[in-house]
Protein backbone atom coordinates (compact mmCIF):
# COMPACT_ATOMS: atom_id res chain seq x y z
CA MET A 1 -19.16 8.05 7.69
CA LYS A 2 -18.49 8.73 11.37
CA GLN A 3 -15.95 7.97 14.02
CA VAL A 4 -17.56 6.52 17.13
CA LYS A 5 -15.59 7.66 20.09
CA PHE A 6 -17.10 10.57 21.96
CA LYS A 7 -20.23 12.45 20.93
CA ALA A 8 -22.28 9.65 19.40
CA LEU A 9 -21.32 7.06 22.03
CA LYS A 10 -22.04 9.33 24.96
CA LYS A 11 -25.58 9.70 23.60
CA VAL A 12 -25.94 5.91 23.92
CA VAL A 13 -24.60 6.08 27.49
CA SER A 14 -26.88 8.94 28.42
CA TYR A 15 -29.94 7.28 26.90
CA ILE A 16 -29.46 4.03 28.77
CA LEU A 17 -28.70 5.72 32.08
CA CYS A 18 -31.67 8.09 31.86
CA ALA A 19 -33.91 6.31 29.29
CA ALA A 20 -35.02 9.68 28.00
CA LEU A 21 -32.38 11.02 25.63
CA VAL A 22 -33.59 12.55 22.39
CA PHE A 23 -31.00 11.75 19.73
CA SER A 24 -30.22 14.59 17.39
CA CYS A 25 -27.65 15.80 14.89
CA VAL A 26 -25.03 17.84 16.72
CA CYS A 27 -24.31 20.74 14.44
CA PHE A 28 -22.73 24.12 14.85
CA SER A 29 -25.08 27.03 14.56
CA PRO A 30 -24.33 29.01 11.40
CA MET A 31 -21.77 31.65 12.30
CA SER A 32 -23.32 35.11 12.43
CA VAL A 33 -20.13 36.37 10.84
CA GLY A 34 -20.86 37.27 7.24
CA ALA A 35 -19.03 39.15 4.56
CA ASP A 36 -19.29 42.35 6.59
CA SER A 37 -17.84 40.74 9.72
CA THR A 38 -15.27 42.72 11.64
CA LEU A 39 -12.64 41.72 14.13
CA ASP A 40 -14.51 43.59 16.87
CA LYS A 41 -17.66 41.57 16.23
CA LEU A 42 -15.70 38.33 16.21
CA LYS A 43 -14.00 39.25 19.46
CA ALA A 44 -17.36 39.99 21.06
CA GLU A 45 -18.65 36.57 19.98
CA GLN A 46 -15.49 34.97 21.29
CA ALA A 47 -15.96 36.63 24.67
CA ALA A 48 -19.59 35.42 24.82
CA LEU A 49 -18.51 31.86 24.06
CA GLN A 50 -15.84 32.07 26.74
CA GLN A 51 -18.47 33.09 29.30
CA LYS A 52 -20.59 30.07 28.36
CA ILE A 53 -17.59 27.77 28.75
CA ALA A 54 -16.82 29.28 32.16
CA ALA A 55 -20.43 28.72 33.26
CA ASN A 56 -20.28 25.12 32.04
CA LYS A 57 -17.12 24.47 34.06
CA GLN A 58 -18.91 25.44 37.25
CA GLN A 59 -21.79 23.13 36.36
CA LEU A 60 -19.40 20.28 35.53
CA ALA A 61 -17.72 20.64 38.91
CA SER A 62 -21.04 20.18 40.68
CA LEU A 63 -22.15 17.25 38.51
CA GLU A 64 -18.91 15.29 38.27
CA SER A 65 -19.30 13.35 41.51
CA ASP A 66 -23.02 12.66 41.07
CA ILE A 67 -23.46 9.45 39.09
CA ASN A 68 -27.22 9.97 39.02
CA ASN A 69 -26.78 13.06 36.86
CA GLN A 70 -24.64 11.54 34.13
CA GLU A 71 -26.98 12.70 31.39
CA ALA A 72 -26.66 16.32 32.52
CA TYR A 73 -22.92 15.90 33.03
CA MET A 74 -22.34 14.51 29.55
CA ALA A 75 -24.74 16.99 27.97
CA THR A 76 -22.71 19.79 29.57
CA LEU A 77 -19.51 18.22 28.22
CA ASP A 78 -21.13 18.08 24.81
CA SER A 79 -22.05 21.77 24.89
CA ASP A 80 -18.53 22.59 26.07
CA LEU A 81 -17.14 20.80 23.04
CA ASP A 82 -19.49 22.73 20.76
CA TYR A 83 -18.59 26.06 22.37
CA THR A 84 -14.89 25.24 22.12
CA GLU A 85 -15.20 24.25 18.46
CA ASN A 86 -17.15 27.46 17.78
CA GLN A 87 -14.40 29.45 19.49
CA ILE A 88 -11.83 27.76 17.29
CA ASP A 89 -13.94 28.64 14.23
CA ASN A 90 -14.19 32.21 15.49
CA LEU A 91 -10.44 32.49 16.03
CA LEU A 92 -9.69 31.00 12.62
CA GLU A 93 -11.98 33.65 11.12
CA GLN A 94 -10.12 36.38 13.02
CA LYS A 95 -6.79 34.90 11.94
CA ASP A 96 -7.91 34.88 8.29
CA ILE A 97 -8.83 38.57 8.51
CA ILE A 98 -5.53 39.48 10.18
CA ASP A 99 -3.55 37.35 7.70
CA SER A 100 -5.29 39.22 4.88
CA LYS A 101 -4.46 42.59 6.45
CA VAL A 102 -0.85 41.56 7.03
CA LYS A 103 -0.55 40.48 3.40
CA GLU A 104 -2.11 43.75 2.20
CA ILE A 105 0.29 45.82 4.30
CA GLU A 106 3.28 43.74 3.20
CA ASP A 107 2.27 44.38 -0.43
CA THR A 108 1.96 48.11 0.31
CA ILE A 109 5.41 48.17 1.94
CA ALA A 110 6.86 46.35 -1.07
CA SER A 111 5.20 48.90 -3.37
CA TYR A 112 6.64 51.81 -1.37
CA GLN A 113 10.03 50.14 -1.36
CA ASN A 114 9.94 49.82 -5.16
CA GLU A 115 8.93 53.47 -5.49
CA ILE A 116 11.69 54.56 -3.11
CA GLU A 117 14.23 52.56 -5.10
CA GLN A 118 13.00 54.18 -8.32
CA ILE A 119 13.25 57.64 -6.75
CA ASN A 120 16.76 56.89 -5.49
CA SER A 121 17.66 55.83 -9.03
CA ASP A 122 16.20 59.11 -10.34
CA ILE A 123 18.27 61.04 -7.77
CA VAL A 124 21.45 59.30 -8.92
CA SER A 125 20.53 60.12 -12.52
CA ALA A 126 19.86 63.76 -11.61
CA ASP A 127 23.21 63.96 -9.79
CA ALA A 128 24.96 62.68 -12.91
CA LYS A 129 23.19 65.25 -15.08
CA ILE A 130 24.06 68.07 -12.67
CA LYS A 131 27.74 67.04 -12.67
CA LYS A 132 27.74 66.90 -16.48
CA ALA A 133 26.10 70.33 -16.76
CA GLN A 134 28.54 71.77 -14.23
CA LYS A 135 31.44 70.34 -16.25
CA ASN A 136 30.03 71.89 -19.45
CA VAL A 137 29.63 75.27 -17.74
CA LYS A 138 33.16 75.07 -16.40
CA SER A 139 34.50 74.21 -19.86
CA ALA A 140 32.55 77.05 -21.52
CA TYR A 141 33.72 79.51 -18.87
CA SER A 142 37.32 78.35 -19.39
CA ASN A 143 37.16 78.78 -23.15
CA LEU A 144 35.59 82.21 -22.89
CA SER A 145 38.05 83.32 -20.24
CA SER A 146 40.97 82.27 -22.43
CA ARG A 147 39.67 84.27 -25.36
CA LEU A 148 38.91 87.32 -23.25
CA GLU A 149 42.37 87.15 -21.66
CA SER A 150 43.99 86.87 -25.08
CA ALA A 151 41.97 89.78 -26.41
CA TYR A 152 42.84 91.91 -23.39
CA ILE A 153 46.59 91.20 -23.72
CA THR A 154 46.77 91.84 -27.44
CA GLY A 155 44.40 94.82 -27.25
CA ASN A 156 44.25 96.87 -30.48
CA GLU A 157 47.02 94.75 -31.91
CA THR A 158 44.50 92.04 -32.52
CA ASN A 159 42.19 94.43 -34.34
CA LEU A 160 45.20 95.71 -36.34
CA LYS A 161 46.15 92.16 -37.34
CA ILE A 162 42.58 91.52 -38.38
CA LEU A 163 42.62 94.78 -40.43
CA LEU A 164 45.99 94.15 -42.10
CA SER A 165 45.10 90.56 -42.94
CA SER A 166 41.78 91.63 -44.42
CA ASP A 167 41.70 92.39 -48.11
CA SER A 168 38.95 94.96 -47.57
CA ILE A 169 37.08 96.94 -44.96
CA ALA A 170 34.05 94.67 -45.48
CA THR A 171 36.10 91.58 -44.60
CA PHE A 172 37.46 93.31 -41.51
CA LEU A 173 33.99 94.22 -40.25
CA THR A 174 32.71 90.72 -40.96
CA ARG A 175 35.50 89.17 -38.90
CA LEU A 176 34.87 91.56 -36.02
CA GLU A 177 31.15 90.64 -36.07
CA MET A 178 32.02 86.93 -35.96
CA MET A 179 34.24 87.45 -32.91
CA LYS A 180 31.41 89.32 -31.21
CA ARG A 181 28.91 86.53 -31.95
CA VAL A 182 31.29 83.88 -30.59
CA SER A 183 31.45 85.81 -27.33
CA GLU A 184 27.66 86.16 -27.24
CA ASN A 185 27.16 82.44 -27.96
CA ASP A 186 29.59 81.55 -25.16
CA ALA A 187 27.62 83.73 -22.77
CA ALA A 188 24.28 82.23 -23.92
CA LEU A 189 25.65 78.70 -23.53
CA ILE A 190 26.85 79.48 -20.01
CA ASN A 191 23.43 80.90 -19.10
CA LYS A 192 21.76 77.81 -20.53
CA PHE A 193 23.94 75.49 -18.48
CA LYS A 194 23.32 77.58 -15.37
CA SER A 195 19.55 77.33 -15.93
CA GLU A 196 19.78 73.58 -16.43
CA ILE A 197 21.73 73.21 -13.19
CA GLU A 198 19.07 75.17 -11.27
CA VAL A 199 16.27 72.99 -12.75
CA LEU A 200 18.15 69.79 -11.94
CA LYS A 201 18.85 70.97 -8.40
CA LEU A 202 15.15 71.69 -7.87
CA SER A 203 14.24 68.29 -9.33
CA LYS A 204 16.73 66.56 -7.06
CA GLU A 205 15.38 68.39 -4.00
CA SER A 206 11.85 67.38 -4.96
CA LEU A 207 12.91 63.76 -5.33
CA GLN A 208 14.67 63.85 -1.98
CA GLU A 209 11.56 65.27 -0.28
CA ARG A 210 9.41 62.59 -1.91
CA THR A 211 11.81 59.90 -0.76
CA LYS A 212 11.68 61.22 2.78
CA ALA A 213 7.85 61.24 2.79
CA LEU A 214 7.64 57.70 1.40
CA THR A 215 10.21 56.43 3.87
CA GLU A 216 8.24 57.90 6.78
CA LYS A 217 5.02 56.36 5.44
CA LYS A 218 6.72 53.03 4.94
CA GLU A 219 7.99 53.01 8.54
CA LYS A 220 4.52 53.89 9.83
CA ILE A 221 3.06 50.95 7.91
CA ARG A 222 5.82 48.69 9.26
CA GLU A 223 4.74 49.64 12.79
CA GLU A 224 1.11 48.81 11.96
CA ASN A 225 2.24 45.55 10.39
CA GLN A 226 4.18 44.65 13.53
CA SER A 227 1.02 45.22 15.56
CA LEU A 228 -0.89 42.85 13.27
CA TYR A 229 1.85 40.23 13.60
CA GLU A 230 1.50 40.46 17.37
CA LYS A 231 -2.29 40.02 17.14
CA GLN A 232 -1.74 37.08 14.80
CA ALA A 233 0.62 35.43 17.30
CA GLU A 234 -1.86 36.10 20.12
CA LEU A 235 -4.63 34.37 18.17
CA ARG A 236 -2.39 31.38 17.49
CA ASN A 237 -1.66 31.08 21.21
CA THR A 238 -5.36 31.34 22.09
CA LYS A 239 -6.24 28.73 19.49
CA ALA A 240 -3.59 26.39 20.93
CA GLN A 241 -5.15 26.84 24.37
CA LEU A 242 -8.60 26.05 22.96
CA ASP A 243 -7.24 22.98 21.19
CA SER A 244 -5.83 21.85 24.53
CA ALA A 245 -9.16 22.51 26.25
CA LYS A 246 -10.95 20.53 23.56
CA SER A 247 -8.53 17.61 24.00
CA SER A 248 -9.17 17.70 27.74
CA LEU A 249 -12.93 17.53 27.16
CA GLU A 250 -12.50 14.61 24.77
CA ALA A 251 -10.41 12.84 27.41
CA GLN A 252 -13.30 13.25 29.83
CA TYR A 253 -15.56 11.69 27.22
CA ALA A 254 -13.12 8.80 26.91
CA ASN A 255 -13.40 8.21 30.66
CA ALA A 256 -17.16 8.27 30.38
CA GLU A 257 -16.97 5.45 27.82
CA ALA A 258 -16.17 3.09 30.70
CA TYR A 259 -19.84 3.19 31.54
CA LYS A 260 -20.72 1.41 28.33
CA ASP A 261 -19.46 -1.86 29.83
CA LYS A 262 -22.23 -1.65 32.41
CA LEU A 263 -24.96 -1.33 29.80
CA ASP A 264 -27.24 -4.10 28.66
CA LYS A 265 -26.80 -4.10 24.90
CA ASN A 266 -29.76 -6.47 24.60
CA SER A 267 -32.08 -4.00 26.28
CA SER A 268 -34.91 -2.51 24.25
CA ALA A 269 -33.71 1.02 25.03
CA TYR A 270 -30.28 0.36 23.55
CA LYS A 271 -31.72 -1.36 20.48
CA ASN A 272 -34.27 1.40 19.90
CA LEU A 273 -31.58 4.05 20.03
CA ILE A 274 -29.35 2.17 17.58
CA ALA A 275 -32.32 1.70 15.25
CA LYS A 276 -33.09 5.42 15.41
CA GLN A 277 -29.47 6.22 14.69
CA GLN A 278 -29.39 3.95 11.66
CA LYS A 279 -32.67 5.32 10.30
CA GLU A 280 -31.32 8.87 10.43
CA GLU A 281 -28.18 7.78 8.61
CA GLU A 282 -30.10 5.84 5.99
CA ALA A 283 -32.47 8.78 5.41
CA ALA A 284 -29.50 11.13 4.89
CA GLU A 285 -27.83 8.69 2.49
CA ARG A 286 -31.06 8.18 0.49
CA ALA A 287 -31.55 11.93 0.12
CA ILE A 288 -27.99 12.36 -1.17
CA ASP A 289 -28.34 9.34 -3.50
CA GLU A 290 -31.52 10.79 -4.99
CA TYR A 291 -29.97 14.24 -5.42
CA ILE A 292 -26.89 12.87 -7.19
CA ALA A 293 -29.08 10.67 -9.43
CA ALA A 294 -31.10 13.72 -10.46
CA HIS A 295 -28.29 16.26 -10.89
CA ALA A 296 -24.95 14.56 -11.58
CA SER A 297 -23.44 13.48 -14.90
CA ARG A 298 -23.25 9.90 -16.12
CA SER A 299 -20.37 8.05 -17.75
CA ASP A 300 -22.34 8.03 -21.03
CA GLY A 301 -21.94 11.80 -21.17
CA SER A 302 -25.39 12.74 -19.92
CA GLY A 303 -25.81 15.28 -17.15
CA SER A 304 -24.86 18.90 -16.65
CA GLY A 305 -21.48 18.57 -14.99
CA VAL A 306 -18.44 20.31 -16.51
CA VAL A 307 -16.14 17.57 -17.77
CA ASP A 308 -12.82 17.52 -15.96
CA SER A 309 -10.04 16.95 -18.49
CA SER A 310 -7.87 15.37 -15.80
CA LYS A 311 -8.76 11.82 -14.80
CA LYS A 312 -6.49 11.89 -11.78
CA PHE A 313 -7.76 12.21 -8.22
CA SER A 314 -5.56 14.01 -5.70
CA PHE A 315 -5.56 13.58 -1.94
CA PRO A 316 -8.10 16.02 -0.44
CA LEU A 317 -6.00 16.95 2.61
CA LYS A 318 -2.51 18.42 2.78
CA TYR A 319 -1.87 18.05 6.48
CA PRO A 320 0.85 16.14 8.34
CA GLY A 321 -0.05 12.83 9.93
CA VAL A 322 -3.33 12.29 8.07
CA HIS A 323 -4.45 8.65 8.20
CA VAL A 324 -7.58 6.57 7.63
CA THR A 325 -9.55 6.27 10.85
CA SER A 326 -12.44 4.32 9.31
CA GLY A 327 -12.17 2.49 6.01
CA PHE A 328 -14.56 1.73 3.18
CA GLY A 329 -17.08 -1.09 3.44
CA GLY A 330 -18.67 -3.13 6.22
CA ARG A 331 -17.88 -2.46 9.85
CA ASN A 332 -19.29 -3.22 13.28
CA LEU A 333 -20.70 -0.06 14.78
CA TRP A 334 -22.16 -0.03 18.29
CA GLY A 335 -22.61 -3.78 18.09
CA SER A 336 -24.48 -3.49 14.78
CA TYR A 337 -23.34 -4.01 11.18
CA ASN A 338 -22.90 -0.83 9.16
CA ASN A 339 -21.73 -0.17 5.61
CA HIS A 340 -19.35 2.77 5.36
CA GLY A 341 -19.65 4.44 1.94
CA GLY A 342 -16.38 6.35 2.09
CA VAL A 343 -13.26 6.80 4.18
CA ASP A 344 -12.71 8.95 7.25
CA LEU A 345 -9.45 10.91 7.23
CA SER A 346 -8.09 12.58 10.35
CA ALA A 347 -4.97 13.68 12.22
CA SER A 348 -4.10 15.38 15.46
CA GLY A 349 -4.97 19.08 15.36
CA ILE A 350 -6.65 18.83 11.96
CA TYR A 351 -9.67 20.95 12.91
CA GLY A 352 -9.90 23.91 10.52
CA ALA A 353 -7.40 22.49 8.00
CA SER A 354 -8.08 23.19 4.32
CA ILE A 355 -9.99 20.67 2.20
CA TYR A 356 -8.94 20.49 -1.46
CA ALA A 357 -11.01 19.41 -4.45
CA SER A 358 -9.79 15.95 -5.46
CA ARG A 359 -10.63 16.70 -9.11
CA GLY A 360 -11.92 19.66 -11.06
CA GLY A 361 -15.62 19.94 -11.78
CA THR A 362 -18.87 21.65 -10.82
CA VAL A 363 -20.20 22.03 -7.29
CA ILE A 364 -23.72 20.59 -7.52
CA LYS A 365 -24.65 20.57 -3.83
CA THR A 366 -23.61 22.18 -0.55
CA ASP A 367 -25.23 21.99 2.87
CA PRO A 368 -23.89 24.92 4.91
CA TYR A 369 -26.57 24.50 7.61
CA CYS A 370 -25.94 20.90 8.68
CA THR A 371 -29.39 19.50 7.91
CA THR A 372 -28.36 15.81 7.96
CA THR A 373 -26.00 13.44 9.77
CA TYR A 374 -23.40 14.34 7.11
CA GLY A 375 -23.12 17.79 8.70
CA LYS A 376 -21.88 20.51 6.37
CA TYR A 377 -20.96 18.80 3.10
CA ILE A 378 -19.97 19.49 -0.51
CA ILE A 379 -20.66 17.43 -3.65
CA ILE A 380 -18.61 17.96 -6.83
CA ASP A 381 -19.58 16.52 -10.23
CA HIS A 382 -16.53 15.84 -12.41
CA GLY A 383 -18.54 15.53 -15.61
CA ASP A 384 -17.84 11.91 -16.59
CA GLY A 385 -20.00 10.03 -14.11
CA TYR A 386 -17.60 10.57 -11.22
CA VAL A 387 -18.68 12.50 -8.14
CA THR A 388 -16.80 13.26 -4.91
CA LEU A 389 -18.34 14.13 -1.55
CA TYR A 390 -16.72 15.93 1.39
CA ALA A 391 -18.59 15.79 4.73
CA HIS A 392 -18.46 17.08 8.36
CA CYS A 393 -16.89 20.40 7.26
CA SER A 394 -16.62 23.28 9.72
CA LYS A 395 -16.82 25.77 6.87
CA ILE A 396 -17.82 25.65 3.18
CA LEU A 397 -15.93 28.01 0.85
CA VAL A 398 -17.68 27.27 -2.47
CA SER A 399 -21.23 27.65 -3.73
CA GLU A 400 -23.56 25.55 -5.85
CA GLY A 401 -22.95 25.97 -9.59
CA GLN A 402 -19.34 27.08 -9.08
CA THR A 403 -16.63 25.52 -11.24
CA VAL A 404 -13.60 24.41 -9.24
CA SER A 405 -10.19 23.10 -10.26
CA ARG A 406 -8.25 20.17 -8.86
CA GLY A 407 -6.41 21.22 -5.70
CA GLN A 408 -8.61 24.27 -5.06
CA VAL A 409 -9.55 24.91 -1.42
CA ILE A 410 -13.28 24.21 -1.04
CA GLY A 411 -13.81 24.01 2.72
CA LYS A 412 -12.37 23.45 6.18
CA VAL A 413 -12.20 20.26 8.24
CA GLY A 414 -14.71 20.14 11.07
CA SER A 415 -16.88 17.86 13.18
CA THR A 416 -20.41 18.85 12.15
CA GLY A 417 -23.23 16.35 11.84
CA ASN A 418 -23.02 12.91 13.42
CA SER A 419 -19.30 13.02 14.14
CA SER A 420 -17.27 12.18 17.20
CA GLY A 421 -14.28 14.34 16.33
CA PRO A 422 -12.70 16.50 13.61
CA HIS A 423 -12.25 14.50 10.40
CA LEU A 424 -13.14 14.47 6.71
CA HIS A 425 -15.57 11.88 5.39
CA PHE A 426 -14.59 11.47 1.71
CA GLU A 427 -16.54 9.57 -0.95
CA VAL A 428 -15.93 8.72 -4.60
CA ARG A 429 -18.92 7.64 -6.70
CA LYS A 430 -19.10 6.32 -10.25
CA ASP A 431 -22.57 6.65 -11.80
CA ASN A 432 -23.81 7.10 -8.21
CA VAL A 433 -22.27 3.82 -7.05
CA ARG A 434 -19.90 4.25 -4.10
CA GLN A 435 -16.31 3.27 -4.85
CA ASN A 436 -13.45 2.61 -2.46
CA PRO A 437 -11.74 6.03 -2.41
CA MET A 438 -8.36 4.39 -1.67
CA ASN A 439 -8.46 2.93 -5.21
CA TYR A 440 -8.30 6.53 -6.48
CA ILE A 441 -6.20 8.35 -3.92
CA SER A 442 -3.17 7.58 -1.79
CA ILE A 443 -1.95 9.17 1.41
CA PRO A 444 1.01 11.43 0.53
């Protein structure tokens, strides 16, 4: 379940050198950042952590050359690692908030852009209608002008022709009335077109003003978005610096491992510490075994888990360079035999990477407070006797009773519990019997 390289091993070193080390589960304190967390609050926490790290560096400088204070030296290194990991968690939280804001603003800009494009289309349509109305007015004016000019030139002759060609006075009057109405209709039509042109012009002006306002608002949001991008980049740089600081601390731990060669592994102190370590692990495993036995489904269909229609298991990490750092089955740990019930998966820089549900199912157990050597862990029941377990998380993103689908993000990789470095401990169980996960998954 754990990689033995730094944290756990340095506890052995410290115990033997000082014969007074109290072994405990190294867990992160639950982040005080809840649903109502703000960037300002996160930044304040980050600053506080940075002050603690700075204070530790001064203490390390004074302890480094004093071999008689190795317990204090390594304990200070341990707290530095915890503070650094908490800072990384804090920065990831800030980055998530900023990413969310950037996405929201990008969506708003896209919405404004669509509206502007629609308004521009409406302006083009209004222009076309104005041109058509102007053409109609021009045509009506032309027709009327031609008739008026003809009537003016012919004068009374026209009326005389109408009279002579009429078979009666009644017909003559009727024809004169028709000519009058034609003129009136032409005038009404012209007035109608003129009114339409005025309305269309006003509509076009309104659309242009609206376009201008939206464009200005869009540019303002672009400026805000650029500011968020800059903050996002700043957080990435700070996280990279913290990752480097964490690597440096781990390198110091690696140097401290040289002391293990000077230890008497047959001493009672060493054996007592190993026995204590194993008891804590066995107690954690028994508690999880009992919980799964009481709450998970069985292959005969009993249990409360939601049956996952897919029988396939997918790889729980989508991160470059992931490899197995500790396989399934028996292994020699600290000079003592240990049975590893899952596989440990890790890669350089994997801290904070997303963990994906290997299959769909129901979350039957989470431990967000790191109460055992498994650290923060998640158990998913797949409804047909199969259960998967994901341990040492830095963050849990699902809750008990929640139904999840295969490939859904359920947590973040961490180093909580009895862990020497960021990795995912992954288990597959069938009717509560541990299986070799590599028989179900393959590294992509």
